[in-house]
Amino acid sequence: MKTNSFVIKNIFVILVFMFSFSQMYSQGKKETRKERKEREKKEQAAKFEVAKQLILDSAFVIPADRITLKSGVTGIVQSNINFVKVYKKQGVLQVSPTHSSELGLNGLGGFTIKGDITNYEVKDKGDKIYVRIYLKDNFVNAIINISLYGSVSATIDVSGMFKGSAFTMYGNINLLGNVNIFEGSSF
């Protein structure tokens, strides 16, 4: 009797192992290039819809990882100290191309404009969305134009503070609280 239960247990273990192996093999089969592209396209579309909703709710942050100056010079920057943040009628634009506590008006090597959003315009064109934000601080005004083209990658053109287009920032739009940002002192 003991031998039969031992044999049955071993057969059961072998069957479970074989079933698990066959499941892993069938799930691990490589998807075709076409299937992968379709899956990625659907994922991208879903992320873009979330990004649209964040913009419509006016509650988001875009940490920038690159900045291009008016002269055309592009630099890689720290995304936790270079960002645009919007929450309802309040906004923050922070640019700190060099991280130094001794430089800049914000103590981080750049400047921070924190104030009221006096105008917030959204143009939804299907797979493209444009946002124009007028940000007013005590001393400075900024015009922030944000463009998303079917993805969470944003292009942020900032002007109004200096003559002409001042600079462009690049980053991905995120839900507030999903990224760590460090806000410096404003004017």
N, C-alpha and C. Protein backbone atom coordinates (compact mmCIF):
# COMPACT_ATOMS: atom_id res chain seq x y z
N MET A 1 0.81 -1.18 0.00
CA MET A 1 0.00 0.00 0.00
C MET A 1 0.86 1.25 0.00
N LYS A 2 1.94 1.19 0.82
CA LYS A 2 2.84 2.34 0.85
C LYS A 2 3.50 2.53 -0.50
N THR A 3 3.84 1.47 -1.14
CA THR A 3 4.51 1.56 -2.43
C THR A 3 3.58 2.16 -3.46
N ASN A 4 2.31 1.77 -3.45
CA ASN A 4 1.36 2.31 -4.41
C ASN A 4 1.19 3.82 -4.22
N SER A 5 1.06 4.29 -2.98
CA SER A 5 0.89 5.73 -2.75
C SER A 5 2.16 6.48 -3.15
N PHE A 6 3.33 5.86 -2.93
CA PHE A 6 4.59 6.47 -3.33
C PHE A 6 4.66 6.60 -4.85
N VAL A 7 4.28 5.55 -5.55
CA VAL A 7 4.28 5.55 -7.01
C VAL A 7 3.27 6.57 -7.53
N ILE A 8 2.09 6.61 -6.96
CA ILE A 8 1.06 7.55 -7.39
C ILE A 8 1.53 8.99 -7.18
N LYS A 9 2.15 9.26 -6.04
CA LYS A 9 2.66 10.61 -5.76
C LYS A 9 3.72 10.98 -6.78
N ASN A 10 4.62 10.05 -7.09
CA ASN A 10 5.67 10.33 -8.07
C ASN A 10 5.08 10.58 -9.46
N ILE A 11 4.10 9.77 -9.84
CA ILE A 11 3.45 9.96 -11.14
C ILE A 11 2.75 11.33 -11.16
N PHE A 12 2.09 11.67 -10.06
CA PHE A 12 1.42 12.96 -9.97
C PHE A 12 2.43 14.10 -10.11
N VAL A 13 3.55 14.01 -9.42
CA VAL A 13 4.59 15.03 -9.49
C VAL A 13 5.12 15.14 -10.92
N ILE A 14 5.34 14.01 -11.57
CA ILE A 14 5.85 14.02 -12.95
C ILE A 14 4.82 14.65 -13.89
N LEU A 15 3.53 14.30 -13.72
CA LEU A 15 2.49 14.89 -14.55
C LEU A 15 2.39 16.40 -14.34
N VAL A 16 2.46 16.84 -13.09
CA VAL A 16 2.42 18.28 -12.81
C VAL A 16 3.61 18.96 -13.45
N PHE A 17 4.78 18.36 -13.34
CA PHE A 17 5.99 18.92 -13.94
C PHE A 17 5.84 19.01 -15.45
N MET A 18 5.34 17.94 -16.08
CA MET A 18 5.17 17.93 -17.53
C MET A 18 4.14 18.98 -17.96
N PHE A 19 3.05 19.08 -17.21
CA PHE A 19 2.03 20.07 -17.55
C PHE A 19 2.60 21.48 -17.42
N SER A 20 3.33 21.74 -16.35
CA SER A 20 3.94 23.05 -16.14
C SER A 20 4.93 23.37 -17.25
N PHE A 21 5.72 22.39 -17.64
CA PHE A 21 6.71 22.58 -18.69
C PHE A 21 6.02 22.90 -20.02
N SER A 22 4.93 22.17 -20.32
CA SER A 22 4.22 22.43 -21.57
C SER A 22 3.57 23.81 -21.56
N GLN A 23 3.06 24.25 -20.39
CA GLN A 23 2.49 25.59 -20.27
C GLN A 23 3.56 26.66 -20.47
N MET A 24 4.71 26.47 -19.85
CA MET A 24 5.80 27.43 -19.99
C MET A 24 6.25 27.49 -21.45
N TYR A 25 6.33 26.34 -22.10
CA TYR A 25 6.77 26.31 -23.49
C TYR A 25 5.79 27.03 -24.39
N SER A 26 4.48 26.80 -24.16
CA SER A 26 3.49 27.44 -25.03
C SER A 26 3.41 28.95 -24.75
N GLN A 27 3.58 29.37 -23.48
CA GLN A 27 3.56 30.79 -23.17
C GLN A 27 4.85 31.46 -23.61
N GLY A 28 5.93 30.74 -23.63
CA GLY A 28 7.23 31.30 -23.97
C GLY A 28 7.50 31.31 -25.45
N LYS A 29 6.55 30.87 -26.25
CA LYS A 29 6.80 30.89 -27.69
C LYS A 29 6.99 32.33 -28.14
N LYS A 30 7.89 32.49 -29.04
CA LYS A 30 8.21 33.84 -29.49
C LYS A 30 7.07 34.41 -30.30
N GLU A 31 6.76 35.68 -29.99
CA GLU A 31 5.75 36.34 -30.80
C GLU A 31 6.41 36.84 -32.07
N THR A 32 5.64 36.88 -33.11
CA THR A 32 6.18 37.32 -34.39
C THR A 32 6.44 38.82 -34.34
N ARG A 33 7.17 39.30 -35.28
CA ARG A 33 7.48 40.73 -35.35
C ARG A 33 6.20 41.55 -35.48
N LYS A 34 5.27 41.04 -36.30
CA LYS A 34 4.00 41.72 -36.50
C LYS A 34 3.20 41.77 -35.20
N GLU A 35 3.15 40.65 -34.46
CA GLU A 35 2.43 40.60 -33.19
C GLU A 35 3.05 41.57 -32.18
N ARG A 36 4.38 41.61 -32.13
CA ARG A 36 5.08 42.50 -31.21
C ARG A 36 4.79 43.96 -31.54
N LYS A 37 4.84 44.30 -32.84
CA LYS A 37 4.56 45.68 -33.26
C LYS A 37 3.13 46.08 -32.91
N GLU A 38 2.18 45.17 -33.12
CA GLU A 38 0.78 45.46 -32.79
C GLU A 38 0.60 45.65 -31.29
N ARG A 39 1.24 44.77 -30.50
CA ARG A 39 1.15 44.88 -29.04
C ARG A 39 1.74 46.21 -28.58
N GLU A 40 2.90 46.59 -29.12
CA GLU A 40 3.55 47.85 -28.74
C GLU A 40 2.70 49.05 -29.15
N LYS A 41 2.06 48.95 -30.30
CA LYS A 41 1.20 50.04 -30.78
C LYS A 41 0.01 50.22 -29.84
N LYS A 42 -0.60 49.11 -29.40
CA LYS A 42 -1.73 49.17 -28.48
C LYS A 42 -1.30 49.74 -27.12
N GLU A 43 -0.13 49.31 -26.64
CA GLU A 43 0.38 49.83 -25.37
C GLU A 43 0.64 51.33 -25.46
N GLN A 44 1.24 51.76 -26.57
CA GLN A 44 1.53 53.18 -26.79
C GLN A 44 0.24 54.00 -26.84
N ALA A 45 -0.78 53.47 -27.51
CA ALA A 45 -2.07 54.17 -27.61
C ALA A 45 -2.72 54.30 -26.22
N ALA A 46 -2.63 53.25 -25.42
CA ALA A 46 -3.20 53.29 -24.07
C ALA A 46 -2.47 54.31 -23.20
N LYS A 47 -1.14 54.35 -23.30
CA LYS A 47 -0.36 55.34 -22.54
C LYS A 47 -0.69 56.76 -22.98
N PHE A 48 -0.89 56.95 -24.28
CA PHE A 48 -1.22 58.27 -24.79
C PHE A 48 -2.58 58.73 -24.27
N GLU A 49 -3.54 57.81 -24.18
CA GLU A 49 -4.85 58.17 -23.64
C GLU A 49 -4.75 58.60 -22.18
N VAL A 50 -3.89 57.93 -21.42
CA VAL A 50 -3.65 58.34 -20.03
C VAL A 50 -3.03 59.73 -20.00
N ALA A 51 -2.05 59.97 -20.87
CA ALA A 51 -1.39 61.28 -20.94
C ALA A 51 -2.41 62.37 -21.28
N LYS A 52 -3.30 62.09 -22.23
CA LYS A 52 -4.35 63.06 -22.59
C LYS A 52 -5.21 63.39 -21.38
N GLN A 53 -5.58 62.36 -20.62
CA GLN A 53 -6.44 62.59 -19.46
C GLN A 53 -5.72 63.43 -18.41
N LEU A 54 -4.42 63.20 -18.23
CA LEU A 54 -3.64 64.01 -17.28
C LEU A 54 -3.66 65.47 -17.70
N ILE A 55 -3.53 65.73 -19.00
CA ILE A 55 -3.56 67.10 -19.51
C ILE A 55 -4.94 67.71 -19.33
N LEU A 56 -5.98 66.96 -19.65
CA LEU A 56 -7.34 67.48 -19.50
C LEU A 56 -7.68 67.75 -18.04
N ASP A 57 -7.12 66.95 -17.13
CA ASP A 57 -7.34 67.15 -15.69
C ASP A 57 -6.42 68.24 -15.13
N SER A 58 -5.50 68.72 -15.93
CA SER A 58 -4.46 69.68 -15.54
C SER A 58 -3.80 69.28 -14.22
N ALA A 59 -3.28 68.06 -14.22
CA ALA A 59 -2.57 67.53 -13.05
C ALA A 59 -1.49 66.59 -13.54
N PHE A 60 -0.28 67.14 -13.78
CA PHE A 60 0.81 66.33 -14.32
C PHE A 60 2.14 66.98 -14.05
N VAL A 61 3.18 66.22 -14.28
CA VAL A 61 4.55 66.72 -14.21
C VAL A 61 5.31 66.13 -15.40
N ILE A 62 6.18 66.94 -16.00
CA ILE A 62 7.02 66.48 -17.09
C ILE A 62 8.47 66.73 -16.70
N PRO A 63 9.16 65.73 -16.19
CA PRO A 63 10.58 65.89 -15.91
C PRO A 63 11.35 65.87 -17.23
N ALA A 64 12.21 66.85 -17.42
CA ALA A 64 12.96 66.96 -18.68
C ALA A 64 14.33 66.31 -18.53
N ASP A 65 14.72 65.55 -19.55
CA ASP A 65 16.06 64.95 -19.54
C ASP A 65 17.00 65.61 -20.53
N ARG A 66 16.44 66.49 -21.40
CA ARG A 66 17.26 67.26 -22.35
C ARG A 66 16.70 68.67 -22.48
N ILE A 67 17.61 69.60 -22.72
CA ILE A 67 17.22 70.99 -22.98
C ILE A 67 18.01 71.47 -24.18
N THR A 68 17.30 72.13 -25.11
CA THR A 68 17.95 72.75 -26.27
C THR A 68 17.78 74.26 -26.14
N LEU A 69 18.90 74.96 -26.15
CA LEU A 69 18.88 76.42 -26.05
C LEU A 69 18.53 77.04 -27.39
N LYS A 70 18.22 78.33 -27.36
CA LYS A 70 17.86 79.07 -28.57
C LYS A 70 18.96 78.96 -29.63
N SER A 71 20.20 78.87 -29.20
CA SER A 71 21.34 78.79 -30.12
C SER A 71 21.44 77.43 -30.80
N GLY A 72 20.68 76.44 -30.31
CA GLY A 72 20.72 75.11 -30.90
C GLY A 72 21.54 74.12 -30.10
N VAL A 73 22.21 74.57 -29.07
CA VAL A 73 23.01 73.69 -28.23
C VAL A 73 22.08 72.85 -27.35
N THR A 74 22.28 71.54 -27.39
CA THR A 74 21.47 70.62 -26.60
C THR A 74 22.31 70.01 -25.49
N GLY A 75 21.72 69.89 -24.31
CA GLY A 75 22.43 69.29 -23.19
C GLY A 75 21.55 68.31 -22.45
N ILE A 76 22.19 67.29 -21.90
CA ILE A 76 21.51 66.31 -21.05
C ILE A 76 21.46 66.91 -19.65
N VAL A 77 20.30 66.86 -19.01
CA VAL A 77 20.12 67.46 -17.69
C VAL A 77 19.50 66.44 -16.73
N GLN A 78 19.54 66.76 -15.45
CA GLN A 78 18.93 65.91 -14.44
C GLN A 78 17.42 66.15 -14.44
N SER A 79 16.66 65.08 -14.62
CA SER A 79 15.21 65.23 -14.74
C SER A 79 14.53 65.57 -13.42
N ASN A 80 15.17 65.31 -12.30
CA ASN A 80 14.51 65.61 -11.02
C ASN A 80 14.57 67.10 -10.66
N ILE A 81 15.40 67.90 -11.38
CA ILE A 81 15.46 69.33 -11.09
C ILE A 81 15.15 70.18 -12.33
N ASN A 82 14.74 69.57 -13.42
CA ASN A 82 14.34 70.26 -14.64
C ASN A 82 12.97 69.73 -15.04
N PHE A 83 11.94 70.54 -14.85
CA PHE A 83 10.60 70.01 -15.06
C PHE A 83 9.57 71.12 -15.24
N VAL A 84 8.40 70.70 -15.71
CA VAL A 84 7.19 71.52 -15.72
C VAL A 84 6.18 70.75 -14.90
N LYS A 85 5.57 71.43 -13.94
CA LYS A 85 4.56 70.80 -13.08
C LYS A 85 3.29 71.64 -13.12
N VAL A 86 2.16 70.98 -13.32
CA VAL A 86 0.86 71.66 -13.36
C VAL A 86 -0.08 70.95 -12.41
N TYR A 87 -0.73 71.74 -11.57
CA TYR A 87 -1.79 71.21 -10.73
C TYR A 87 -2.91 72.25 -10.65
N LYS A 88 -3.96 71.99 -11.39
CA LYS A 88 -5.13 72.87 -11.49
C LYS A 88 -4.69 74.26 -11.96
N LYS A 89 -4.74 75.27 -11.13
CA LYS A 89 -4.41 76.64 -11.52
C LYS A 89 -3.02 77.08 -11.05
N GLN A 90 -2.21 76.14 -10.58
CA GLN A 90 -0.86 76.44 -10.14
C GLN A 90 0.13 75.72 -11.05
N GLY A 91 1.29 76.36 -11.28
CA GLY A 91 2.29 75.75 -12.13
C GLY A 91 3.70 76.06 -11.66
N VAL A 92 4.62 75.20 -12.07
CA VAL A 92 6.03 75.39 -11.76
C VAL A 92 6.83 75.06 -13.02
N LEU A 93 7.73 75.96 -13.37
CA LEU A 93 8.70 75.72 -14.43
C LEU A 93 10.06 75.86 -13.76
N GLN A 94 10.83 74.79 -13.80
CA GLN A 94 12.16 74.84 -13.19
C GLN A 94 13.19 74.36 -14.19
N VAL A 95 14.24 75.16 -14.32
CA VAL A 95 15.34 74.84 -15.22
C VAL A 95 16.63 75.00 -14.43
N SER A 96 17.39 73.94 -14.36
CA SER A 96 18.67 73.94 -13.65
C SER A 96 19.66 73.13 -14.47
N PRO A 97 20.20 73.73 -15.54
CA PRO A 97 21.09 72.96 -16.41
C PRO A 97 22.37 72.50 -15.73
N THR A 98 22.79 73.21 -14.69
CA THR A 98 23.96 72.77 -13.92
C THR A 98 23.53 72.62 -12.49
N HIS A 99 23.84 71.50 -11.87
CA HIS A 99 23.42 71.26 -10.49
C HIS A 99 24.50 71.77 -9.55
N SER A 100 24.26 72.94 -8.96
CA SER A 100 25.20 73.53 -8.03
C SER A 100 24.42 74.38 -7.05
N SER A 101 24.72 74.24 -5.77
CA SER A 101 24.01 75.02 -4.77
C SER A 101 24.50 76.46 -4.73
N GLU A 102 25.58 76.77 -5.43
CA GLU A 102 26.13 78.11 -5.41
C GLU A 102 25.69 78.95 -6.60
N LEU A 103 25.11 78.34 -7.60
CA LEU A 103 24.74 79.07 -8.82
C LEU A 103 23.24 79.18 -8.95
N GLY A 104 22.80 80.17 -9.64
CA GLY A 104 21.40 80.27 -10.01
C GLY A 104 20.53 80.92 -8.96
N LEU A 105 19.38 81.35 -9.42
CA LEU A 105 18.43 82.03 -8.56
C LEU A 105 17.66 81.07 -7.66
N ASN A 106 17.62 79.80 -8.03
CA ASN A 106 16.84 78.85 -7.25
C ASN A 106 17.69 78.00 -6.30
N GLY A 107 19.00 78.26 -6.28
CA GLY A 107 19.88 77.48 -5.42
C GLY A 107 20.28 76.15 -6.02
N LEU A 108 19.86 75.89 -7.24
CA LEU A 108 20.17 74.62 -7.91
C LEU A 108 20.91 74.84 -9.23
N GLY A 109 21.35 76.04 -9.49
CA GLY A 109 22.05 76.31 -10.73
C GLY A 109 21.16 76.77 -11.86
N GLY A 110 20.02 77.34 -11.55
CA GLY A 110 19.11 77.79 -12.59
C GLY A 110 18.05 78.70 -12.02
N PHE A 111 16.81 78.55 -12.48
CA PHE A 111 15.71 79.38 -11.98
C PHE A 111 14.45 78.53 -11.85
N THR A 112 13.56 79.01 -10.98
CA THR A 112 12.27 78.38 -10.75
C THR A 112 11.20 79.45 -10.83
N ILE A 113 10.22 79.23 -11.68
CA ILE A 113 9.06 80.12 -11.77
C ILE A 113 7.88 79.34 -11.21
N LYS A 114 7.34 79.82 -10.12
CA LYS A 114 6.22 79.16 -9.46
C LYS A 114 5.12 80.19 -9.29
N GLY A 115 3.95 79.89 -9.84
CA GLY A 115 2.88 80.86 -9.72
C GLY A 115 1.56 80.38 -10.28
N ASP A 116 0.74 81.34 -10.62
CA ASP A 116 -0.61 81.06 -11.11
C ASP A 116 -0.61 80.83 -12.61
N ILE A 117 -1.44 79.90 -13.03
CA ILE A 117 -1.68 79.68 -14.45
C ILE A 117 -2.84 80.59 -14.83
N THR A 118 -2.55 81.62 -15.63
CA THR A 118 -3.58 82.59 -15.99
C THR A 118 -4.38 82.16 -17.21
N ASN A 119 -3.81 81.23 -18.01
CA ASN A 119 -4.52 80.73 -19.19
C ASN A 119 -4.02 79.31 -19.46
N TYR A 120 -4.95 78.41 -19.73
CA TYR A 120 -4.63 77.00 -19.99
C TYR A 120 -5.46 76.56 -21.17
N GLU A 121 -4.83 76.44 -22.34
CA GLU A 121 -5.55 76.08 -23.57
C GLU A 121 -5.10 74.70 -24.04
N VAL A 122 -6.06 73.84 -24.34
CA VAL A 122 -5.77 72.49 -24.83
C VAL A 122 -6.39 72.33 -26.21
N LYS A 123 -5.60 71.85 -27.15
CA LYS A 123 -6.10 71.51 -28.49
C LYS A 123 -5.86 70.01 -28.69
N ASP A 124 -6.95 69.26 -28.78
CA ASP A 124 -6.89 67.82 -28.97
C ASP A 124 -7.17 67.51 -30.43
N LYS A 125 -6.16 66.97 -31.11
CA LYS A 125 -6.32 66.65 -32.53
C LYS A 125 -6.11 65.15 -32.76
N GLY A 126 -6.83 64.35 -32.01
CA GLY A 126 -6.75 62.89 -32.16
C GLY A 126 -5.47 62.33 -31.58
N ASP A 127 -4.51 62.03 -32.45
CA ASP A 127 -3.25 61.45 -31.96
C ASP A 127 -2.21 62.53 -31.66
N LYS A 128 -2.63 63.79 -31.64
CA LYS A 128 -1.76 64.90 -31.26
C LYS A 128 -2.51 65.76 -30.24
N ILE A 129 -1.79 66.25 -29.25
CA ILE A 129 -2.40 67.15 -28.28
C ILE A 129 -1.42 68.28 -27.98
N TYR A 130 -1.97 69.48 -27.96
CA TYR A 130 -1.17 70.69 -27.72
C TYR A 130 -1.73 71.42 -26.50
N VAL A 131 -0.83 71.94 -25.67
CA VAL A 131 -1.24 72.70 -24.50
C VAL A 131 -0.46 74.00 -24.48
N ARG A 132 -1.14 75.09 -24.25
CA ARG A 132 -0.48 76.39 -24.08
C ARG A 132 -0.81 76.87 -22.67
N ILE A 133 0.24 77.15 -21.92
CA ILE A 133 0.10 77.57 -20.52
C ILE A 133 0.76 78.94 -20.36
N TYR A 134 0.03 79.85 -19.74
CA TYR A 134 0.59 81.14 -19.35
C TYR A 134 0.83 81.09 -17.85
N LEU A 135 2.08 81.12 -17.46
CA LEU A 135 2.47 81.00 -16.06
C LEU A 135 2.97 82.35 -15.57
N LYS A 136 2.39 82.84 -14.48
CA LYS A 136 2.73 84.16 -13.96
C LYS A 136 3.27 84.03 -12.54
N ASP A 137 4.51 84.50 -12.38
CA ASP A 137 5.16 84.59 -11.08
C ASP A 137 5.08 86.05 -10.64
N ASN A 138 5.62 86.39 -9.49
CA ASN A 138 5.62 87.78 -9.03
C ASN A 138 6.41 88.69 -9.96
N PHE A 139 7.47 88.15 -10.59
CA PHE A 139 8.36 88.99 -11.39
C PHE A 139 8.44 88.58 -12.86
N VAL A 140 8.12 87.34 -13.16
CA VAL A 140 8.35 86.81 -14.51
C VAL A 140 7.10 86.13 -15.02
N ASN A 141 6.88 86.24 -16.34
CA ASN A 141 5.82 85.50 -17.02
C ASN A 141 6.47 84.53 -17.99
N ALA A 142 5.87 83.38 -18.15
CA ALA A 142 6.39 82.40 -19.12
C ALA A 142 5.23 81.84 -19.92
N ILE A 143 5.50 81.62 -21.19
CA ILE A 143 4.55 80.94 -22.07
C ILE A 143 5.13 79.56 -22.32
N ILE A 144 4.37 78.53 -21.96
CA ILE A 144 4.84 77.15 -22.07
C ILE A 144 3.94 76.43 -23.07
N ASN A 145 4.52 75.96 -24.16
CA ASN A 145 3.78 75.19 -25.17
C ASN A 145 4.24 73.74 -25.09
N ILE A 146 3.30 72.85 -24.82
CA ILE A 146 3.59 71.42 -24.69
C ILE A 146 2.94 70.69 -25.86
N SER A 147 3.70 69.81 -26.51
CA SER A 147 3.19 69.01 -27.63
C SER A 147 3.44 67.54 -27.37
N LEU A 148 2.41 66.73 -27.58
CA LEU A 148 2.54 65.28 -27.52
C LEU A 148 2.01 64.72 -28.83
N TYR A 149 2.77 63.80 -29.43
CA TYR A 149 2.39 63.23 -30.72
C TYR A 149 2.21 61.72 -30.59
N GLY A 150 1.07 61.31 -30.07
CA GLY A 150 0.74 59.90 -30.00
C GLY A 150 1.52 59.09 -28.98
N SER A 151 2.25 59.76 -28.08
CA SER A 151 3.00 59.04 -27.06
C SER A 151 3.07 59.89 -25.80
N VAL A 152 3.78 59.42 -24.81
CA VAL A 152 3.94 60.18 -23.57
C VAL A 152 5.13 61.12 -23.64
N SER A 153 5.89 61.07 -24.74
CA SER A 153 7.03 61.96 -24.92
C SER A 153 6.53 63.36 -25.25
N ALA A 154 7.01 64.32 -24.48
CA ALA A 154 6.55 65.70 -24.65
C ALA A 154 7.69 66.60 -25.10
N THR A 155 7.34 67.56 -25.94
CA THR A 155 8.24 68.64 -26.32
C THR A 155 7.67 69.90 -25.68
N ILE A 156 8.51 70.62 -24.94
CA ILE A 156 8.06 71.79 -24.20
C ILE A 156 8.85 73.00 -24.69
N ASP A 157 8.17 73.91 -25.37
CA ASP A 157 8.80 75.15 -25.84
C ASP A 157 8.45 76.25 -24.85
N VAL A 158 9.48 76.92 -24.33
CA VAL A 158 9.29 77.96 -23.33
C VAL A 158 9.72 79.29 -23.93
N SER A 159 8.86 80.29 -23.81
CA SER A 159 9.18 81.63 -24.29
C SER A 159 8.53 82.64 -23.35
N GLY A 160 8.67 83.90 -23.70
CA GLY A 160 8.02 84.94 -22.92
C GLY A 160 8.90 85.56 -21.86
N MET A 161 9.91 84.83 -21.41
CA MET A 161 10.79 85.37 -20.38
C MET A 161 11.89 86.19 -21.01
N PHE A 162 12.34 85.75 -22.16
CA PHE A 162 13.42 86.41 -22.87
C PHE A 162 12.91 86.75 -24.27
N LYS A 163 13.68 87.46 -25.02
CA LYS A 163 13.26 87.82 -26.38
C LYS A 163 13.25 86.57 -27.27
N GLY A 164 12.13 86.32 -27.92
CA GLY A 164 12.02 85.16 -28.79
C GLY A 164 11.83 83.86 -28.01
N SER A 165 12.02 82.76 -28.70
CA SER A 165 11.91 81.45 -28.06
C SER A 165 13.15 81.21 -27.21
N ALA A 166 12.95 80.96 -25.95
CA ALA A 166 14.08 80.84 -25.03
C ALA A 166 14.75 79.47 -25.11
N PHE A 167 13.99 78.40 -24.97
CA PHE A 167 14.57 77.06 -24.97
C PHE A 167 13.47 76.01 -25.12
N THR A 168 13.90 74.79 -25.39
CA THR A 168 12.99 73.66 -25.52
C THR A 168 13.45 72.55 -24.58
N MET A 169 12.49 71.95 -23.89
CA MET A 169 12.76 70.84 -22.98
C MET A 169 12.08 69.59 -23.53
N TYR A 170 12.65 68.43 -23.21
CA TYR A 170 12.09 67.15 -23.68
C TYR A 170 11.97 66.20 -22.49
N GLY A 171 10.82 65.53 -22.38
CA GLY A 171 10.62 64.56 -21.31
C GLY A 171 9.31 63.83 -21.48
N ASN A 172 9.01 62.94 -20.54
CA ASN A 172 7.78 62.15 -20.57
C ASN A 172 6.81 62.66 -19.52
N ILE A 173 5.54 62.75 -19.91
CA ILE A 173 4.51 63.22 -19.00
C ILE A 173 4.20 62.12 -17.97
N ASN A 174 4.00 62.54 -16.73
CA ASN A 174 3.74 61.61 -15.63
C ASN A 174 2.64 62.15 -14.73
N LEU A 175 2.05 61.24 -14.00
CA LEU A 175 1.10 61.58 -12.96
C LEU A 175 1.85 62.23 -11.81
N LEU A 176 1.27 63.25 -11.21
CA LEU A 176 1.90 63.88 -10.05
C LEU A 176 2.12 62.81 -8.97
N GLY A 177 3.26 62.84 -8.34
CA GLY A 177 3.56 61.87 -7.30
C GLY A 177 4.22 60.61 -7.81
N ASN A 178 4.23 60.38 -9.12
CA ASN A 178 4.88 59.18 -9.66
C ASN A 178 6.36 59.37 -9.94
N VAL A 179 6.84 60.60 -9.82
CA VAL A 179 8.26 60.88 -10.04
C VAL A 179 8.78 61.74 -8.90
N ASN A 180 10.05 61.59 -8.62
CA ASN A 180 10.68 62.39 -7.58
C ASN A 180 11.29 63.63 -8.22
N ILE A 181 10.80 64.79 -7.79
CA ILE A 181 11.35 66.04 -8.26
C ILE A 181 11.75 66.88 -7.05
N PHE A 182 12.72 67.73 -7.25
CA PHE A 182 13.17 68.61 -6.18
C PHE A 182 12.98 70.04 -6.63
N GLU A 183 12.14 70.76 -5.89
CA GLU A 183 11.80 72.13 -6.28
C GLU A 183 12.69 73.12 -5.54
N GLY A 184 13.36 73.96 -6.32
CA GLY A 184 14.20 74.99 -5.73
C GLY A 184 13.41 76.23 -5.35
N SER A 185 14.11 77.26 -4.91
CA SER A 185 13.49 78.51 -4.51
C SER A 185 13.03 79.28 -5.74
N SER A 186 11.84 79.89 -5.64
CA SER A 186 11.37 80.72 -6.75
C SER A 186 11.80 82.16 -6.49
N PHE A 187 11.60 83.02 -7.49
CA PHE A 187 12.01 84.42 -7.39
C PHE A 187 11.42 85.09 -6.18
